[in-house]
Every structure is written in structure tokens, then in C-alpha cells.
Amino acid sequence: MSPTGNSYRTLSNALTSSFNVPEDEITPQATLQDLQLDSLAQAELLVILQQDFGIQVDISGGHVTRTSTLGELATALDELRAAGAGAL
């Protein structure tokens, strides 16, 4: 997963604009926990990403947790987009 990919950029933009996460804290290795996103913020983030990418995101699947890295999340988003739909 390249940190310059579209999913990663969209994820980074959502974190800075919707959750006021400083840009210097956003790295592919950072976890949602590192960025202090609680479960409500995590759910809100997934809704934002679902709207931005037009994909179905199932937050109950447990594949995205507070210990998921931004790189892992961006990779999962890339895979869902390539498949045309799906659930995280």
C-alpha cells in the first residue's frame, strides 16, 4: 500500500478535516487508537469513507479495530473499491 494512494489521501483528509487530527500524526503505521479515535469516531470515519467511495462498509464485521493501522485501512478500502463493493 502506497501512502500516496487515493484511499490513503482520502483517509488522511477525512482525519484532518472531520476529526482535527494533526497532519504530522497521520502515517501509514499510525493506528486509530494512536490518533485517539474512540469507537464512535471510528464509526463516523467509516460512514464518511463509505460516502466518499460509494462502497458498503459493515462496521460490525470487526475487521477494522482501534489497533488497525491507517495503511491497513487504506489497503482494505483499495480492495473493496477494486471489487466494486463489500464490507470491512
PDB file of N, CA and C in Angstrom:
ATOM      1  N   MET A   1       0.854  -1.178   0.000  1.00  0.00           N
ATOM      2  CA  MET A   1       0.000   0.000   0.000  1.00  0.00           C
ATOM      3  C   MET A   1       0.887   1.223   0.000  1.00  0.00           C
ATOM      4  N   SER A   2       0.719   2.032  -0.966  1.00  0.00           N
ATOM      5  CA  SER A   2       1.487   3.264  -1.059  1.00  0.00           C
ATOM      6  C   SER A   2       0.796   4.380  -0.301  1.00  0.00           C
ATOM      7  N   PRO A   3       1.543   5.122   0.541  1.00  0.00           N
ATOM      8  CA  PRO A   3       0.934   6.226   1.247  1.00  0.00           C
ATOM      9  C   PRO A   3       0.494   7.348   0.321  1.00  0.00           C
ATOM     10  N   THR A   4       0.804   7.241  -0.966  1.00  0.00           N
ATOM     11  CA  THR A   4       0.358   8.262  -1.906  1.00  0.00           C
ATOM     12  C   THR A   4      -0.902   7.832  -2.645  1.00  0.00           C
ATOM     13  N   GLY A   5      -1.459   6.660  -2.304  1.00  0.00           N
ATOM     14  CA  GLY A   5      -2.659   6.168  -2.972  1.00  0.00           C
ATOM     15  C   GLY A   5      -3.878   7.016  -2.663  1.00  0.00           C
ATOM     16  N   ASN A   6      -4.877   6.930  -3.550  1.00  0.00           N
ATOM     17  CA  ASN A   6      -6.095   7.715  -3.410  1.00  0.00           C
ATOM     18  C   ASN A   6      -6.825   7.404  -2.101  1.00  0.00           C
ATOM     19  N   SER A   7      -6.922   6.136  -1.727  1.00  0.00           N
ATOM     20  CA  SER A   7      -7.611   5.772  -0.482  1.00  0.00           C
ATOM     21  C   SER A   7      -6.901   6.359   0.723  1.00  0.00           C
ATOM     22  N   TYR A   8      -5.594   6.290   0.718  1.00  0.00           N
ATOM     23  CA  TYR A   8      -4.824   6.842   1.838  1.00  0.00           C
ATOM     24  C   TYR A   8      -5.002   8.353   1.921  1.00  0.00           C
ATOM     25  N   ARG A   9      -4.978   9.034   0.790  1.00  0.00           N
ATOM     26  CA  ARG A   9      -5.170  10.501   0.784  1.00  0.00           C
ATOM     27  C   ARG A   9      -6.559  10.867   1.288  1.00  0.00           C
ATOM     28  N   THR A  10      -7.570  10.145   0.833  1.00  0.00           N
ATOM     29  CA  THR A  10      -8.939  10.412   1.269  1.00  0.00           C
ATOM     30  C   THR A  10      -9.078  10.161   2.766  1.00  0.00           C
ATOM     31  N   LEU A  11      -8.493   9.086   3.248  1.00  0.00           N
ATOM     32  CA  LEU A  11      -8.498   8.768   4.673  1.00  0.00           C
ATOM     33  C   LEU A  11      -7.812   9.878   5.468  1.00  0.00           C
ATOM     34  N   SER A  12      -6.643  10.305   4.998  1.00  0.00           N
ATOM     35  CA  SER A  12      -5.916  11.384   5.669  1.00  0.00           C
ATOM     36  C   SER A  12      -6.724  12.669   5.707  1.00  0.00           C
ATOM     37  N   ASN A  13      -7.345  13.007   4.583  1.00  0.00           N
ATOM     38  CA  ASN A  13      -8.163  14.221   4.519  1.00  0.00           C
ATOM     39  C   ASN A  13      -9.337  14.149   5.485  1.00  0.00           C
ATOM     40  N   ALA A  14      -9.976  12.993   5.575  1.00  0.00           N
ATOM     41  CA  ALA A  14     -11.102  12.829   6.494  1.00  0.00           C
ATOM     42  C   ALA A  14     -10.652  12.999   7.939  1.00  0.00           C
ATOM     43  N   LEU A  15      -9.491  12.458   8.259  1.00  0.00           N
ATOM     44  CA  LEU A  15      -8.984  12.572   9.628  1.00  0.00           C
ATOM     45  C   LEU A  15      -8.662  14.011  10.001  1.00  0.00           C
ATOM     46  N   THR A  16      -8.079  14.755   9.071  1.00  0.00           N
ATOM     47  CA  THR A  16      -7.729  16.137   9.386  1.00  0.00           C
ATOM     48  C   THR A  16      -8.951  17.039   9.388  1.00  0.00           C
ATOM     49  N   SER A  17      -9.850  16.864   8.423  1.00  0.00           N
ATOM     50  CA  SER A  17     -10.977  17.787   8.317  1.00  0.00           C
ATOM     51  C   SER A  17     -12.119  17.462   9.272  1.00  0.00           C
ATOM     52  N   SER A  18     -12.409  16.208   9.497  1.00  0.00           N
ATOM     53  CA  SER A  18     -13.551  15.842  10.334  1.00  0.00           C
ATOM     54  C   SER A  18     -13.204  15.581  11.792  1.00  0.00           C
ATOM     55  N   PHE A  19     -11.941  15.217  12.048  1.00  0.00           N
ATOM     56  CA  PHE A  19     -11.554  14.843  13.414  1.00  0.00           C
ATOM     57  C   PHE A  19     -10.404  15.683  13.954  1.00  0.00           C
ATOM     58  N   ASN A  20      -9.984  16.674  13.187  1.00  0.00           N
ATOM     59  CA  ASN A  20      -8.927  17.598  13.615  1.00  0.00           C
ATOM     60  C   ASN A  20      -7.627  16.904  14.042  1.00  0.00           C
ATOM     61  N   VAL A  21      -7.320  15.806  13.367  1.00  0.00           N
ATOM     62  CA  VAL A  21      -6.058  15.113  13.633  1.00  0.00           C
ATOM     63  C   VAL A  21      -4.948  15.883  12.927  1.00  0.00           C
ATOM     64  N   PRO A  22      -3.890  16.272  13.649  1.00  0.00           N
ATOM     65  CA  PRO A  22      -2.784  16.984  13.010  1.00  0.00           C
ATOM     66  C   PRO A  22      -2.129  16.129  11.916  1.00  0.00           C
ATOM     67  N   GLU A  23      -1.820  16.771  10.800  1.00  0.00           N
ATOM     68  CA  GLU A  23      -1.234  16.050   9.664  1.00  0.00           C
ATOM     69  C   GLU A  23       0.031  15.292  10.026  1.00  0.00           C
ATOM     70  N   ASP A  24       0.837  15.845  10.934  1.00  0.00           N
ATOM     71  CA  ASP A  24       2.100  15.186  11.267  1.00  0.00           C
ATOM     72  C   ASP A  24       1.908  13.903  12.074  1.00  0.00           C
ATOM     73  N   GLU A  25       0.690  13.650  12.559  1.00  0.00           N
ATOM     74  CA  GLU A  25       0.410  12.411  13.283  1.00  0.00           C
ATOM     75  C   GLU A  25      -0.114  11.314  12.358  1.00  0.00           C
ATOM     76  N   ILE A  26      -0.438  11.685  11.138  1.00  0.00           N
ATOM     77  CA  ILE A  26      -1.020  10.728  10.198  1.00  0.00           C
ATOM     78  C   ILE A  26       0.102  10.065   9.400  1.00  0.00           C
ATOM     79  N   THR A  27       0.297   8.775   9.686  1.00  0.00           N
ATOM     80  CA  THR A  27       1.291   7.963   8.977  1.00  0.00           C
ATOM     81  C   THR A  27       0.663   6.612   8.681  1.00  0.00           C
ATOM     82  N   PRO A  28       1.178   5.871   7.713  1.00  0.00           N
ATOM     83  CA  PRO A  28       0.617   4.545   7.430  1.00  0.00           C
ATOM     84  C   PRO A  28       0.689   3.599   8.633  1.00  0.00           C
ATOM     85  N   GLN A  29       1.634   3.826   9.547  1.00  0.00           N
ATOM     86  CA  GLN A  29       1.802   2.954  10.703  1.00  0.00           C
ATOM     87  C   GLN A  29       0.947   3.370  11.903  1.00  0.00           C
ATOM     88  N   ALA A  30       0.366   4.561  11.868  1.00  0.00           N
ATOM     89  CA  ALA A  30      -0.455   5.034  12.984  1.00  0.00           C
ATOM     90  C   ALA A  30      -1.736   4.223  13.064  1.00  0.00           C
ATOM     91  N   THR A  31      -2.156   3.912  14.282  1.00  0.00           N
ATOM     92  CA  THR A  31      -3.419   3.203  14.479  1.00  0.00           C
ATOM     93  C   THR A  31      -4.515   4.210  14.824  1.00  0.00           C
ATOM     94  N   LEU A  32      -5.749   3.760  14.718  1.00  0.00           N
ATOM     95  CA  LEU A  32      -6.869   4.606  15.121  1.00  0.00           C
ATOM     96  C   LEU A  32      -6.758   4.946  16.602  1.00  0.00           C
ATOM     97  N   GLN A  33      -6.226   4.032  17.379  1.00  0.00           N
ATOM     98  CA  GLN A  33      -6.005   4.273  18.804  1.00  0.00           C
ATOM     99  C   GLN A  33      -4.931   5.343  19.005  1.00  0.00           C
ATOM    100  N   ASP A  34      -3.844   5.263  18.233  1.00  0.00           N
ATOM    101  CA  ASP A  34      -2.787   6.281  18.326  1.00  0.00           C
ATOM    102  C   ASP A  34      -3.352   7.674  18.086  1.00  0.00           C
ATOM    103  N   LEU A  35      -4.338   7.754  17.194  1.00  0.00           N
ATOM    104  CA  LEU A  35      -4.934   9.035  16.832  1.00  0.00           C
ATOM    105  C   LEU A  35      -6.081   9.416  17.759  1.00  0.00           C
ATOM    106  N   GLN A  36      -6.291   8.590  18.801  1.00  0.00           N
ATOM    107  CA  GLN A  36      -7.290   8.844  19.841  1.00  0.00           C
ATOM    108  C   GLN A  36      -8.723   8.846  19.305  1.00  0.00           C
ATOM    109  N   LEU A  37      -8.980   7.970  18.329  1.00  0.00           N
ATOM    110  CA  LEU A  37     -10.340   7.829  17.815  1.00  0.00           C
ATOM    111  C   LEU A  37     -11.045   6.729  18.597  1.00  0.00           C
ATOM    112  N   ASP A  38     -12.091   7.103  19.319  1.00  0.00           N
ATOM    113  CA  ASP A  38     -12.867   6.114  20.059  1.00  0.00           C
ATOM    114  C   ASP A  38     -13.808   5.379  19.116  1.00  0.00           C
ATOM    115  N   SER A  39     -14.623   4.489  19.656  1.00  0.00           N
ATOM    116  CA  SER A  39     -15.483   3.674  18.801  1.00  0.00           C
ATOM    117  C   SER A  39     -16.510   4.510  18.045  1.00  0.00           C
ATOM    118  N   LEU A  40     -17.007   5.581  18.644  1.00  0.00           N
ATOM    119  CA  LEU A  40     -17.953   6.445  17.938  1.00  0.00           C
ATOM    120  C   LEU A  40     -17.257   7.161  16.779  1.00  0.00           C
ATOM    121  N   ALA A  41     -16.072   7.689  17.021  1.00  0.00           N
ATOM    122  CA  ALA A  41     -15.320   8.353  15.955  1.00  0.00           C
ATOM    123  C   ALA A  41     -14.961   7.367  14.853  1.00  0.00           C
ATOM    124  N   GLN A  42     -14.638   6.139  15.233  1.00  0.00           N
ATOM    125  CA  GLN A  42     -14.330   5.100  14.243  1.00  0.00           C
ATOM    126  C   GLN A  42     -15.544   4.840  13.358  1.00  0.00           C
ATOM    127  N   ALA A  43     -16.721   4.740  13.955  1.00  0.00           N
ATOM    128  CA  ALA A  43     -17.942   4.519  13.183  1.00  0.00           C
ATOM    129  C   ALA A  43     -18.218   5.707  12.260  1.00  0.00           C
ATOM    130  N   GLU A  44     -18.023   6.917  12.768  1.00  0.00           N
ATOM    131  CA  GLU A  44     -18.219   8.118  11.952  1.00  0.00           C
ATOM    132  C   GLU A  44     -17.249   8.140  10.776  1.00  0.00           C
ATOM    133  N   LEU A  45     -15.999   7.770  11.019  1.00  0.00           N
ATOM    134  CA  LEU A  45     -14.998   7.734   9.963  1.00  0.00           C
ATOM    135  C   LEU A  45     -15.406   6.748   8.869  1.00  0.00           C
ATOM    136  N   LEU A  46     -15.872   5.581   9.257  1.00  0.00           N
ATOM    137  CA  LEU A  46     -16.269   4.586   8.265  1.00  0.00           C
ATOM    138  C   LEU A  46     -17.470   5.054   7.450  1.00  0.00           C
ATOM    139  N   VAL A  47     -18.394   5.792   8.078  1.00  0.00           N
ATOM    140  CA  VAL A  47     -19.530   6.339   7.334  1.00  0.00           C
ATOM    141  C   VAL A  47     -19.037   7.363   6.317  1.00  0.00           C
ATOM    142  N   ILE A  48     -18.105   8.216   6.728  1.00  0.00           N
ATOM    143  CA  ILE A  48     -17.532   9.207   5.812  1.00  0.00           C
ATOM    144  C   ILE A  48     -16.867   8.512   4.627  1.00  0.00           C
ATOM    145  N   LEU A  49     -16.083   7.484   4.907  1.00  0.00           N
ATOM    146  CA  LEU A  49     -15.390   6.760   3.840  1.00  0.00           C
ATOM    147  C   LEU A  49     -16.377   6.043   2.930  1.00  0.00           C
ATOM    148  N   GLN A  50     -17.429   5.499   3.510  1.00  0.00           N
ATOM    149  CA  GLN A  50     -18.460   4.845   2.706  1.00  0.00           C
ATOM    150  C   GLN A  50     -19.071   5.835   1.731  1.00  0.00           C
ATOM    151  N   GLN A  51     -19.372   7.033   2.203  1.00  0.00           N
ATOM    152  CA  GLN A  51     -19.947   8.060   1.339  1.00  0.00           C
ATOM    153  C   GLN A  51     -18.949   8.518   0.283  1.00  0.00           C
ATOM    154  N   ASP A  52     -17.697   8.710   0.674  1.00  0.00           N
ATOM    155  CA  ASP A  52     -16.680   9.177  -0.265  1.00  0.00           C
ATOM    156  C   ASP A  52     -16.405   8.167  -1.378  1.00  0.00           C
ATOM    157  N   PHE A  53     -16.403   6.889  -1.029  1.00  0.00           N
ATOM    158  CA  PHE A  53     -16.036   5.859  -2.000  1.00  0.00           C
ATOM    159  C   PHE A  53     -17.229   5.150  -2.620  1.00  0.00           C
ATOM    160  N   GLY A  54     -18.422   5.359  -2.073  1.00  0.00           N
ATOM    161  CA  GLY A  54     -19.600   4.699  -2.618  1.00  0.00           C
ATOM    162  C   GLY A  54     -19.571   3.196  -2.442  1.00  0.00           C
ATOM    163  N   ILE A  55     -19.024   2.742  -1.323  1.00  0.00           N
ATOM    164  CA  ILE A  55     -18.965   1.310  -1.037  1.00  0.00           C
ATOM    165  C   ILE A  55     -19.719   1.026   0.251  1.00  0.00           C
ATOM    166  N   GLN A  56     -20.111  -0.219   0.421  1.00  0.00           N
ATOM    167  CA  GLN A  56     -20.787  -0.648   1.649  1.00  0.00           C
ATOM    168  C   GLN A  56     -19.731  -1.023   2.677  1.00  0.00           C
ATOM    169  N   VAL A  57     -19.806  -0.407   3.848  1.00  0.00           N
ATOM    170  CA  VAL A  57     -18.864  -0.704   4.919  1.00  0.00           C
ATOM    171  C   VAL A  57     -19.641  -1.248   6.102  1.00  0.00           C
ATOM    172  N   ASP A  58     -19.379  -2.480   6.467  1.00  0.00           N
ATOM    173  CA  ASP A  58     -20.037  -3.120   7.604  1.00  0.00           C
ATOM    174  C   ASP A  58     -19.139  -2.988   8.816  1.00  0.00           C
ATOM    175  N   ILE A  59     -19.479  -2.054   9.707  1.00  0.00           N
ATOM    176  CA  ILE A  59     -18.626  -1.802  10.866  1.00  0.00           C
ATOM    177  C   ILE A  59     -18.737  -2.889  11.920  1.00  0.00           C
ATOM    178  N   SER A  60     -19.728  -3.764  11.796  1.00  0.00           N
ATOM    179  CA  SER A  60     -19.871  -4.826  12.781  1.00  0.00           C
ATOM    180  C   SER A  60     -18.984  -6.028  12.466  1.00  0.00           C
ATOM    181  N   GLY A  61     -18.324  -6.007  11.316  1.00  0.00           N
ATOM    182  CA  GLY A  61     -17.506  -7.135  10.906  1.00  0.00           C
ATOM    183  C   GLY A  61     -16.265  -7.350  11.750  1.00  0.00           C
ATOM    184  N   GLY A  62     -15.834  -6.336  12.462  1.00  0.00           N
ATOM    185  CA  GLY A  62     -14.683  -6.466  13.332  1.00  0.00           C
ATOM    186  C   GLY A  62     -13.347  -6.464  12.624  1.00  0.00           C
ATOM    187  N   HIS A  63     -13.334  -6.208  11.319  1.00  0.00           N
ATOM    188  CA  HIS A  63     -12.079  -6.199  10.581  1.00  0.00           C
ATOM    189  C   HIS A  63     -11.304  -4.901  10.797  1.00  0.00           C
ATOM    190  N   VAL A  64     -12.015  -3.859  11.177  1.00  0.00           N
ATOM    191  CA  VAL A  64     -11.366  -2.589  11.474  1.00  0.00           C
ATOM    192  C   VAL A  64     -11.526  -2.342  12.965  1.00  0.00           C
ATOM    193  N   THR A  65     -10.401  -2.275  13.637  1.00  0.00           N
ATOM    194  CA  THR A  65     -10.421  -2.052  15.077  1.00  0.00           C
ATOM    195  C   THR A  65      -9.574  -0.844  15.411  1.00  0.00           C
ATOM    196  N   ARG A  66      -9.558  -0.464  16.660  1.00  0.00           N
ATOM    197  CA  ARG A  66      -8.754   0.681  17.079  1.00  0.00           C
ATOM    198  C   ARG A  66      -7.258   0.414  16.876  1.00  0.00           C
ATOM    199  N   THR A  67      -6.890  -0.858  16.738  1.00  0.00           N
ATOM    200  CA  THR A  67      -5.475  -1.178  16.521  1.00  0.00           C
ATOM    201  C   THR A  67      -5.138  -1.360  15.040  1.00  0.00           C
ATOM    202  N   SER A  68      -6.119  -1.155  14.165  1.00  0.00           N
ATOM    203  CA  SER A  68      -5.845  -1.183  12.720  1.00  0.00           C
ATOM    204  C   SER A  68      -4.999   0.029  12.356  1.00  0.00           C
ATOM    205  N   THR A  69      -4.008  -0.189  11.501  1.00  0.00           N
ATOM    206  CA  THR A  69      -3.205   0.949  11.052  1.00  0.00           C
ATOM    207  C   THR A  69      -3.905   1.649   9.895  1.00  0.00           C
ATOM    208  N   LEU A  70      -3.503   2.875   9.659  1.00  0.00           N
ATOM    209  CA  LEU A  70      -4.069   3.606   8.529  1.00  0.00           C
ATOM    210  C   LEU A  70      -3.693   2.933   7.213  1.00  0.00           C
ATOM    211  N   GLY A  71      -2.502   2.369   7.152  1.00  0.00           N
ATOM    212  CA  GLY A  71      -2.085   1.638   5.953  1.00  0.00           C
ATOM    213  C   GLY A  71      -2.972   0.436   5.708  1.00  0.00           C
ATOM    214  N   GLU A  72      -3.301  -0.313   6.768  1.00  0.00           N
ATOM    215  CA  GLU A  72      -4.182  -1.476   6.633  1.00  0.00           C
ATOM    216  C   GLU A  72      -5.577  -1.043   6.193  1.00  0.00           C
ATOM    217  N   LEU A  73      -6.074   0.026   6.774  1.00  0.00           N
ATOM    218  CA  LEU A  73      -7.396   0.514   6.411  1.00  0.00           C
ATOM    219  C   LEU A  73      -7.432   0.972   4.956  1.00  0.00           C
ATOM    220  N   ALA A  74      -6.398   1.693   4.524  1.00  0.00           N
ATOM    221  CA  ALA A  74      -6.339   2.153   3.136  1.00  0.00           C
ATOM    222  C   ALA A  74      -6.260   0.974   2.165  1.00  0.00           C
ATOM    223  N   THR A  75      -5.507  -0.049   2.522  1.00  0.00           N
ATOM    224  CA  THR A  75      -5.408  -1.243   1.688  1.00  0.00           C
ATOM    225  C   THR A  75      -6.766  -1.936   1.584  1.00  0.00           C
ATOM    226  N   ALA A  76      -7.466  -2.053   2.704  1.00  0.00           N
ATOM    227  CA  ALA A  76      -8.791  -2.669   2.689  1.00  0.00           C
ATOM    228  C   ALA A  76      -9.755  -1.859   1.822  1.00  0.00           C
ATOM    229  N   LEU A  77      -9.669  -0.537   1.905  1.00  0.00           N
ATOM    230  CA  LEU A  77     -10.514   0.319   1.071  1.00  0.00           C
ATOM    231  C   LEU A  77     -10.194   0.126  -0.408  1.00  0.00           C
ATOM    232  N   ASP A  78      -8.909   0.045  -0.732  1.00  0.00           N
ATOM    233  CA  ASP A  78      -8.500  -0.202  -2.130  1.00  0.00           C
ATOM    234  C   ASP A  78      -9.081  -1.517  -2.645  1.00  0.00           C
ATOM    235  N   GLU A  79      -9.031  -2.553  -1.798  1.00  0.00           N
ATOM    236  CA  GLU A  79      -9.547  -3.862  -2.202  1.00  0.00           C
ATOM    237  C   GLU A  79     -11.053  -3.823  -2.400  1.00  0.00           C
ATOM    238  N   LEU A  80     -11.760  -3.134  -1.496  1.00  0.00           N
ATOM    239  CA  LEU A  80     -13.213  -3.007  -1.652  1.00  0.00           C
ATOM    240  C   LEU A  80     -13.582  -2.238  -2.911  1.00  0.00           C
ATOM    241  N   ARG A  81     -12.854  -1.178  -3.175  1.00  0.00           N
ATOM    242  CA  ARG A  81     -13.118  -0.370  -4.365  1.00  0.00           C
ATOM    243  C   ARG A  81     -12.866  -1.200  -5.621  1.00  0.00           C
ATOM    244  N   ALA A  82     -11.812  -2.007  -5.610  1.00  0.00           N
ATOM    245  CA  ALA A  82     -11.490  -2.834  -6.776  1.00  0.00           C
ATOM    246  C   ALA A  82     -12.570  -3.890  -7.006  1.00  0.00           C
ATOM    247  N   ALA A  83     -13.155  -4.384  -5.908  1.00  0.00           N
ATOM    248  CA  ALA A  83     -14.205  -5.385  -6.008  1.00  0.00           C
ATOM    249  C   ALA A  83     -15.553  -4.768  -6.345  1.00  0.00           C
ATOM    250  N   GLY A  84     -15.666  -3.454  -6.195  1.00  0.00           N
ATOM    251  CA  GLY A  84     -16.907  -2.775  -6.520  1.00  0.00           C
ATOM    252  C   GLY A  84     -17.859  -2.598  -5.361  1.00  0.00           C
ATOM    253  N   ALA A  85     -17.655  -3.302  -4.272  1.00  0.00           N
ATOM    254  CA  ALA A  85     -18.497  -3.185  -3.079  1.00  0.00           C
ATOM    255  C   ALA A  85     -17.938  -4.140  -2.043  1.00  0.00           C
ATOM    256  N   GLY A  86     -18.520  -4.114  -0.860  1.00  0.00           N
ATOM    257  CA  GLY A  86     -18.072  -5.056   0.141  1.00  0.00           C
ATOM    258  C   GLY A  86     -18.251  -4.550   1.533  1.00  0.00           C
ATOM    259  N   ALA A  87     -17.567  -5.191   2.450  1.00  0.00           N
ATOM    260  CA  ALA A  87     -17.679  -4.835   3.863  1.00  0.00           C
ATOM    261  C   ALA A  87     -16.336  -4.948   4.529  1.00  0.00           C
ATOM    262  N   LEU A  88     -16.034  -3.964   5.366  1.00  0.00           N
ATOM    263  CA  LEU A  88     -14.821  -4.017   6.184  1.00  0.00           C
ATOM    264  C   LEU A  88     -15.124  -4.668   7.496  1.00  0.00           C
TER     265      LEU A  88
END
